[in-house]
Amino acid sequence: MKNIEEKGDCSNCSIKVDCFGPLTDDELKILDSTHVCIKYKKGEVILKQGSIVSQILYVKQGLTKVYKEIDDTNNFILNFSPSGTLIGLPSIFGKDVSPYSVTAVEDTIICSLGKSYIESFIQQNVKFATAIITTINNCNLYNVGKIVSLTQKHLPGRIAEVLLLLSNDIYQSEEFYLSLTRKDIAEYTGMSVMSVVRILKDFGADNIIKFSGKNLKILNMKSLIEISEKG
């Protein structure tokens, strides 16, 4: 069995996702009484592709990867979801079957929110509905940007882009513990593992980044941005 975390108070959650802001006190109380928080260890599957979606997942703590299963050995990572993000919003307006899998990249706490409650809040609360649509729209814009990156950027540009994503959006630091494997990076950038290893080594030789075990430090942010922009 998974480790059930104490639920806590949704209204006072310090990492509450932005789109929850318009929820009323009564709506937050409903989430308080119905949601379940579960601890997942690194590598554990949180959601399986093809399963029925009855919950919206809120990443309370940790980091997850959202990916399409291609075959028994290969995946395509769509995105990484850190603390404070929601997973599964498109299922509210689409099919009830999950089009992707979700796995914990780090030890992670997931709050499962009843999809039916979120749907009712959308129908009753216009500001919350607008916030949800904005969140989904931002995800779509992200996906468009990723398609451009995969089709237009050379391999070093793709690696630079994922390092900037980790630094700016996930860890918010120029030095962080790299919990992703080389295979994770390869599956996110549409590259081979060997290419990922080679380019990271090249970046190290050019004093753009530095590894100390699993700790990564960006030494030359300007160069990394230029490589990402020029592709």
Protein backbone atom coordinates (compact mmCIF):
# COMPACT_ATOMS: atom_id res chain seq x y z
CA MET A 1 0.00 0.00 0.00
CA LYS A 2 1.03 3.59 -0.59
CA ASN A 3 1.89 5.78 2.36
CA ILE A 4 -1.12 8.01 3.09
CA GLU A 5 -0.04 11.52 4.03
CA GLU A 6 -2.01 13.66 6.47
CA LYS A 7 -4.29 15.73 4.26
CA GLY A 8 -3.89 19.17 5.76
CA ASP A 9 -5.99 22.26 5.05
CA CYS A 10 -6.44 23.19 1.37
CA SER A 11 -7.30 26.79 2.24
CA ASN A 12 -3.97 27.24 4.06
CA CYS A 13 -1.76 25.16 1.75
CA SER A 14 1.48 27.07 1.26
CA ILE A 15 1.99 25.69 -2.27
CA LYS A 16 -1.57 26.00 -3.51
CA VAL A 17 -1.76 26.12 -7.31
CA ASP A 18 -2.62 29.55 -8.71
CA CYS A 19 -5.91 28.51 -10.33
CA PHE A 20 -7.27 27.53 -6.89
CA GLY A 21 -7.26 31.20 -5.90
CA PRO A 22 -10.84 31.88 -7.13
CA LEU A 23 -12.33 28.97 -5.17
CA THR A 24 -14.72 29.99 -2.41
CA ASP A 25 -14.29 28.94 1.21
CA ASP A 26 -17.10 26.41 0.82
CA GLU A 27 -15.47 24.90 -2.28
CA LEU A 28 -12.13 24.64 -0.49
CA LYS A 29 -13.87 22.90 2.40
CA ILE A 30 -15.22 20.32 -0.05
CA LEU A 31 -11.68 19.65 -1.30
CA ASP A 32 -10.51 19.47 2.32
CA SER A 33 -12.97 16.72 3.14
CA THR A 34 -12.67 14.68 -0.05
CA HIS A 35 -9.05 14.77 -1.25
CA VAL A 36 -6.42 12.15 -0.40
CA CYS A 37 -2.65 12.75 -0.24
CA ILE A 38 -0.35 9.82 -1.04
CA LYS A 39 3.44 9.53 -0.85
CA TYR A 40 5.19 7.93 -3.83
CA LYS A 41 8.81 6.86 -3.85
CA LYS A 42 11.12 7.77 -6.71
CA GLY A 43 10.34 5.57 -9.72
CA GLU A 44 6.81 4.59 -8.63
CA VAL A 45 4.04 4.84 -11.21
CA ILE A 46 1.34 7.32 -10.15
CA LEU A 47 -0.96 7.03 -13.16
CA LYS A 48 -0.93 4.38 -15.91
CA GLN A 49 -1.64 5.18 -19.54
CA GLY A 50 -5.02 3.75 -20.54
CA SER A 51 -6.49 3.79 -17.03
CA ILE A 52 -9.78 5.49 -16.16
CA VAL A 53 -9.28 9.03 -14.84
CA SER A 54 -11.49 9.81 -11.86
CA GLN A 55 -9.08 12.16 -10.09
CA ILE A 56 -7.17 15.34 -10.86
CA LEU A 57 -3.63 15.05 -9.49
CA TYR A 58 -2.03 17.90 -7.58
CA VAL A 59 1.73 17.68 -7.02
CA LYS A 60 2.06 18.87 -3.42
CA GLN A 61 5.74 18.04 -3.16
CA GLY A 62 8.38 16.51 -5.43
CA LEU A 63 8.72 16.08 -9.18
CA THR A 64 6.94 13.85 -11.69
CA LYS A 65 7.29 13.07 -15.39
CA VAL A 66 4.31 12.84 -17.73
CA TYR A 67 4.96 10.60 -20.71
CA LYS A 68 3.53 8.57 -23.57
CA GLU A 69 4.44 4.89 -23.54
CA ILE A 70 5.70 4.04 -27.03
CA ASP A 71 6.62 0.39 -26.48
CA ASP A 72 8.02 -1.87 -23.76
CA THR A 73 11.32 0.00 -23.53
CA ASN A 74 10.76 3.48 -25.00
CA ASN A 75 8.75 6.47 -23.78
CA PHE A 76 8.32 10.06 -24.90
CA ILE A 77 8.29 12.51 -22.00
CA LEU A 78 5.75 15.26 -22.55
CA ASN A 79 6.56 17.35 -19.51
CA PHE A 80 7.91 17.45 -15.99
CA SER A 81 5.47 18.51 -13.27
CA PRO A 82 7.00 19.99 -10.10
CA SER A 83 5.37 21.04 -6.83
CA GLY A 84 2.30 23.23 -7.26
CA THR A 85 1.11 21.85 -10.60
CA LEU A 86 -2.01 19.97 -11.65
CA ILE A 87 -2.04 16.85 -13.83
CA GLY A 88 -5.07 15.60 -15.73
CA LEU A 89 -6.99 18.81 -16.44
CA PRO A 90 -7.65 17.96 -20.14
CA SER A 91 -9.65 14.91 -19.01
CA ILE A 92 -12.27 17.29 -17.61
CA PHE A 93 -13.27 18.29 -21.13
CA GLY A 94 -12.17 15.14 -22.94
CA LYS A 95 -12.09 11.38 -22.57
CA ASP A 96 -12.03 9.62 -19.20
CA VAL A 97 -9.12 7.41 -20.27
CA SER A 98 -5.63 8.73 -19.52
CA PRO A 99 -3.57 9.31 -22.70
CA TYR A 100 -0.32 9.22 -20.73
CA SER A 101 1.44 7.77 -17.70
CA VAL A 102 2.84 9.65 -14.70
CA THR A 103 5.82 8.51 -12.62
CA ALA A 104 7.61 10.05 -9.63
CA VAL A 105 11.07 11.36 -10.60
CA GLU A 106 11.75 12.20 -6.96
CA ASP A 107 9.99 11.17 -3.76
CA THR A 108 6.64 12.87 -4.29
CA ILE A 109 3.40 13.66 -2.47
CA ILE A 110 0.30 13.68 -4.68
CA CYS A 111 -3.08 15.05 -3.62
CA SER A 112 -5.89 13.30 -5.52
CA LEU A 113 -8.84 15.61 -6.12
CA GLY A 114 -12.19 14.21 -7.23
CA LYS A 115 -12.71 15.13 -10.89
CA SER A 116 -16.47 15.42 -10.37
CA TYR A 117 -15.93 18.14 -7.75
CA ILE A 118 -13.59 20.10 -10.04
CA GLU A 119 -16.16 19.81 -12.84
CA SER A 120 -18.92 21.17 -10.58
CA PHE A 121 -16.71 24.07 -9.45
CA ILE A 122 -16.10 24.96 -13.11
CA GLN A 123 -19.84 25.04 -13.76
CA GLN A 124 -20.61 27.15 -10.68
CA ASN A 125 -17.58 29.46 -10.40
CA VAL A 126 -16.83 31.55 -13.49
CA LYS A 127 -13.51 32.88 -12.17
CA PHE A 128 -12.32 29.36 -11.38
CA ALA A 129 -13.42 28.17 -14.83
CA THR A 130 -11.43 31.01 -16.42
CA ALA A 131 -8.37 30.08 -14.36
CA ILE A 132 -8.63 26.42 -15.39
CA ILE A 133 -9.00 27.33 -19.08
CA THR A 134 -5.98 29.66 -18.77
CA THR A 135 -3.94 26.84 -17.22
CA ILE A 136 -4.89 24.43 -20.01
CA ASN A 137 -4.12 27.11 -22.61
CA ASN A 138 -0.66 27.64 -21.12
CA CYS A 139 -0.07 23.88 -21.37
CA ASN A 140 -1.05 23.98 -25.03
CA LEU A 141 1.34 26.88 -25.68
CA TYR A 142 4.08 24.91 -23.94
CA ASN A 143 3.39 21.92 -26.21
CA VAL A 144 3.59 24.15 -29.30
CA GLY A 145 6.97 25.44 -28.14
CA LYS A 146 8.20 21.91 -27.56
CA ILE A 147 7.15 20.82 -31.07
CA VAL A 148 9.12 23.75 -32.50
CA SER A 149 12.14 22.78 -30.39
CA LEU A 150 12.06 19.13 -31.45
CA THR A 151 11.66 19.93 -35.15
CA GLN A 152 13.82 23.04 -35.51
CA LYS A 153 16.62 22.93 -32.95
CA HIS A 154 19.86 21.04 -33.25
CA LEU A 155 20.79 18.62 -30.47
CA PRO A 156 22.86 21.07 -28.34
CA GLY A 157 19.96 23.54 -28.44
CA ARG A 158 17.57 20.90 -27.11
CA ILE A 159 19.90 20.02 -24.23
CA ALA A 160 20.40 23.70 -23.42
CA GLU A 161 16.63 24.16 -23.38
CA VAL A 162 16.00 21.34 -20.91
CA LEU A 163 18.77 22.62 -18.61
CA LEU A 164 17.17 26.06 -18.66
CA LEU A 165 13.79 24.48 -17.90
CA LEU A 166 15.27 22.72 -14.87
CA SER A 167 17.11 25.82 -13.68
CA ASN A 168 14.40 28.44 -14.24
CA ASP A 169 11.10 26.61 -13.82
CA ILE A 170 11.67 23.52 -11.69
CA TYR A 171 14.55 24.11 -9.27
CA GLN A 172 14.73 27.91 -9.63
CA SER A 173 18.45 27.86 -9.11
CA GLU A 174 21.62 27.72 -11.20
CA GLU A 175 22.83 24.83 -9.02
CA PHE A 176 20.68 21.80 -8.31
CA TYR A 177 20.61 18.05 -7.78
CA LEU A 178 19.88 16.45 -11.15
CA SER A 179 17.29 13.83 -10.34
CA LEU A 180 16.68 13.11 -14.04
CA THR A 181 18.54 10.24 -15.63
CA ARG A 182 20.28 10.57 -18.99
CA LYS A 183 17.47 8.41 -20.37
CA ASP A 184 14.89 10.85 -19.01
CA ILE A 185 16.63 13.71 -20.81
CA ALA A 186 16.84 11.64 -23.99
CA GLU A 187 13.14 10.79 -23.86
CA TYR A 188 12.26 14.44 -23.27
CA THR A 189 14.42 15.82 -26.09
CA GLY A 190 13.84 13.07 -28.66
CA MET A 191 17.52 12.09 -28.68
CA SER A 192 19.60 9.01 -28.03
CA VAL A 193 21.17 8.52 -24.60
CA MET A 194 24.62 8.55 -26.21
CA SER A 195 23.95 11.97 -27.74
CA VAL A 196 22.80 13.32 -24.38
CA VAL A 197 25.95 12.05 -22.66
CA ARG A 198 28.18 13.50 -25.39
CA ILE A 199 26.61 16.96 -25.37
CA LEU A 200 26.62 17.21 -21.58
CA LYS A 201 30.30 16.28 -21.68
CA ASP A 202 30.91 18.96 -24.33
CA PHE A 203 29.11 21.56 -22.20
CA GLY A 204 31.34 20.58 -19.30
CA ALA A 205 34.51 20.86 -21.40
CA ASP A 206 33.40 24.33 -22.54
CA ASN A 207 32.86 25.41 -18.91
CA ILE A 208 29.14 25.98 -19.47
CA ILE A 209 28.12 23.49 -16.78
CA LYS A 210 29.88 21.51 -14.07
CA PHE A 211 28.93 18.20 -12.48
CA SER A 212 29.87 17.19 -8.95
CA GLY A 213 28.37 13.73 -8.73
CA LYS A 214 24.66 14.29 -9.38
CA ASN A 215 24.86 18.00 -8.54
CA LEU A 216 24.84 20.26 -11.59
CA LYS A 217 25.97 23.88 -11.63
CA ILE A 218 25.44 26.24 -14.56
CA LEU A 219 28.67 28.20 -14.94
CA ASN A 220 27.78 30.26 -18.00
CA MET A 221 24.08 31.06 -18.19
CA LYS A 222 24.58 33.50 -21.08
CA SER A 223 26.15 30.83 -23.29
CA LEU A 224 23.45 28.32 -22.38
CA ILE A 225 20.72 30.79 -23.36
CA GLU A 226 22.47 31.56 -26.65
CA ILE A 227 22.78 27.87 -27.52
CA SER A 228 19.11 27.34 -26.72
CA GLU A 229 17.96 30.35 -28.77
CA LYS A 230 20.15 29.61 -31.79
CA GLY A 231 19.26 25.93 -31.69
